[in-house]
Amino acid sequence: MDDKLRIDKYLWAIRLFKTRALATQACRNGKVRWNGKPVKAAKPVDVGERYAVRTSAVERLVEVQALPSRRVAAAEAPDYYRDLTPATPPRVKHPSAFYPSGRPRGSGRPTKKQRRDLDDFMDPS
């Protein structure tokens, strides 16, 4: 294992990013934070440090457990970090899930026929 490892190389090695260039770009764009502050890609990583990493739409909080000497297999990656990301709240079901037979008739927007009837009622001329 290496004594020093750059943060971009570490994030790539534990497979949080597909390429090292993407990890470097994430550091450059402020998507990797340490103690609430953005870090540069060349920052050396130490065991026990915690980083907030935003990948696509997910913000992950990871703690460094060990430093890999090379990119590790996906099955081995969790040995090198601990995921401290809080659990996400359950998603709200789509309204159609509440009405298996479809939306109840008469709720929501009026149909074209109902709109015409309303127009005739409001303007009987």
Protein backbone atom coordinates (compact mmCIF):
# COMPACT_ATOMS: atom_id res chain seq x y z
CA MET A 1 0.00 0.00 0.00
CA ASP A 2 1.07 3.54 -0.70
CA ASP A 3 1.96 6.01 2.03
CA LYS A 4 0.38 8.86 0.06
CA LEU A 5 -2.51 8.80 -2.37
CA ARG A 6 -4.22 11.68 -4.15
CA ILE A 7 -7.95 12.14 -3.51
CA ASP A 8 -8.83 11.85 -7.20
CA LYS A 9 -6.89 8.60 -7.51
CA TYR A 10 -8.44 7.26 -4.31
CA LEU A 11 -12.01 7.99 -5.46
CA TRP A 12 -11.28 6.33 -8.79
CA ALA A 13 -9.60 3.32 -7.12
CA ILE A 14 -12.60 2.63 -4.86
CA ARG A 15 -14.91 2.95 -7.88
CA LEU A 16 -16.91 6.02 -6.94
CA PHE A 17 -16.00 7.39 -10.38
CA LYS A 18 -15.67 5.48 -13.64
CA THR A 19 -12.49 7.29 -14.71
CA ARG A 20 -9.80 9.21 -12.92
CA ALA A 21 -10.49 12.18 -15.19
CA LEU A 22 -14.08 12.29 -13.88
CA ALA A 23 -12.80 12.19 -10.30
CA THR A 24 -10.38 15.04 -11.05
CA GLN A 25 -13.14 17.06 -12.69
CA ALA A 26 -15.42 16.51 -9.67
CA CYS A 27 -12.68 17.90 -7.41
CA ARG A 28 -12.19 20.85 -9.72
CA ASN A 29 -15.94 21.58 -9.73
CA GLY A 30 -16.20 21.50 -5.93
CA LYS A 31 -18.15 18.24 -5.72
CA VAL A 32 -15.67 16.66 -3.32
CA ARG A 33 -15.56 18.25 0.14
CA TRP A 34 -13.51 17.71 3.26
CA ASN A 35 -14.56 19.47 6.48
CA GLY A 36 -17.13 21.39 4.46
CA LYS A 37 -14.56 22.86 2.07
CA PRO A 38 -13.84 21.83 -1.53
CA VAL A 39 -10.58 19.96 -2.05
CA LYS A 40 -8.12 19.98 -4.90
CA ALA A 41 -7.44 16.75 -6.77
CA ALA A 42 -3.86 16.55 -5.48
CA LYS A 43 -4.82 16.56 -1.78
CA PRO A 44 -3.26 13.55 -0.04
CA VAL A 45 -5.71 11.16 1.63
CA ASP A 46 -5.25 9.83 5.17
CA VAL A 47 -7.03 6.92 6.85
CA GLY A 48 -9.93 8.09 9.00
CA GLU A 49 -10.79 11.22 6.99
CA ARG A 50 -14.36 11.79 5.86
CA TYR A 51 -15.28 13.18 2.46
CA ALA A 52 -18.61 14.31 1.03
CA VAL A 53 -18.69 13.25 -2.62
CA ARG A 54 -21.44 14.23 -5.05
CA THR A 55 -21.79 11.76 -7.91
CA SER A 56 -24.54 12.34 -10.50
CA ALA A 57 -27.52 13.03 -8.20
CA VAL A 58 -26.32 11.33 -5.02
CA GLU A 59 -24.33 12.95 -2.22
CA ARG A 60 -22.28 10.29 -0.44
CA LEU A 61 -20.38 10.60 2.81
CA VAL A 62 -17.41 8.22 2.87
CA GLU A 63 -14.76 7.53 5.49
CA VAL A 64 -11.35 6.27 4.38
CA GLN A 65 -10.61 2.82 5.87
CA ALA A 66 -7.46 1.91 3.93
CA LEU A 67 -5.46 3.10 0.92
CA PRO A 68 -5.45 0.80 -2.11
CA SER A 69 -2.25 0.41 -4.12
CA ARG A 70 -4.23 0.03 -7.38
CA ARG A 71 -7.81 0.17 -8.61
CA VAL A 72 -9.69 -2.58 -6.82
CA ALA A 73 -12.46 -4.89 -7.96
CA ALA A 74 -16.01 -3.81 -7.23
CA ALA A 75 -16.40 -6.60 -4.67
CA GLU A 76 -13.26 -5.44 -2.81
CA ALA A 77 -14.02 -1.70 -2.91
CA PRO A 78 -16.10 -1.60 0.33
CA ASP A 79 -13.03 -2.84 2.23
CA TYR A 80 -11.32 0.49 1.57
CA TYR A 81 -14.09 2.87 2.66
CA ARG A 82 -17.10 3.05 4.94
CA ASP A 83 -20.26 4.56 3.51
CA LEU A 84 -21.79 6.93 6.07
CA THR A 85 -24.49 8.26 3.74
CA PRO A 86 -27.78 8.67 5.61
CA ALA A 87 -30.68 6.57 4.36
CA THR A 88 -32.90 8.32 1.87
CA PRO A 89 -36.57 8.82 2.77
CA PRO A 90 -39.03 6.52 0.99
CA ARG A 91 -40.35 7.81 -2.29
CA VAL A 92 -43.97 8.88 -2.57
CA LYS A 93 -45.92 6.59 -4.82
CA HIS A 94 -47.27 7.92 -8.07
CA PRO A 95 -50.95 8.96 -7.80
CA SER A 96 -51.94 6.21 -10.23
CA ALA A 97 -50.80 3.69 -7.61
CA PHE A 98 -53.61 4.90 -5.34
CA TYR A 99 -56.22 4.38 -8.08
CA PRO A 100 -55.49 1.02 -9.75
CA SER A 101 -58.49 1.36 -12.07
CA GLY A 102 -57.46 4.86 -13.13
CA ARG A 103 -58.27 8.37 -11.94
CA PRO A 104 -61.76 8.79 -10.48
CA ARG A 105 -64.13 10.36 -12.92
CA GLY A 106 -64.88 13.99 -12.22
CA SER A 107 -61.69 14.77 -10.33
CA GLY A 108 -59.01 17.04 -11.69
CA ARG A 109 -59.32 18.87 -14.97
CA PRO A 110 -62.66 18.84 -16.75
CA THR A 111 -63.02 16.86 -19.93
CA LYS A 112 -63.59 18.55 -23.25
CA LYS A 113 -67.31 17.86 -23.05
CA GLN A 114 -67.49 19.26 -19.50
CA ARG A 115 -65.64 22.41 -20.62
CA ARG A 116 -68.11 22.93 -23.48
CA ASP A 117 -71.05 22.47 -21.11
CA LEU A 118 -69.49 25.02 -18.72
CA ASP A 119 -68.95 27.50 -21.57
CA ASP A 120 -72.58 27.07 -22.68
CA PHE A 121 -73.79 27.56 -19.11
CA MET A 122 -71.67 30.68 -18.54
CA ASP A 123 -72.51 32.29 -21.89
CA PRO A 124 -75.99 31.11 -22.98
CA SER A 125 -76.18 33.43 -26.00
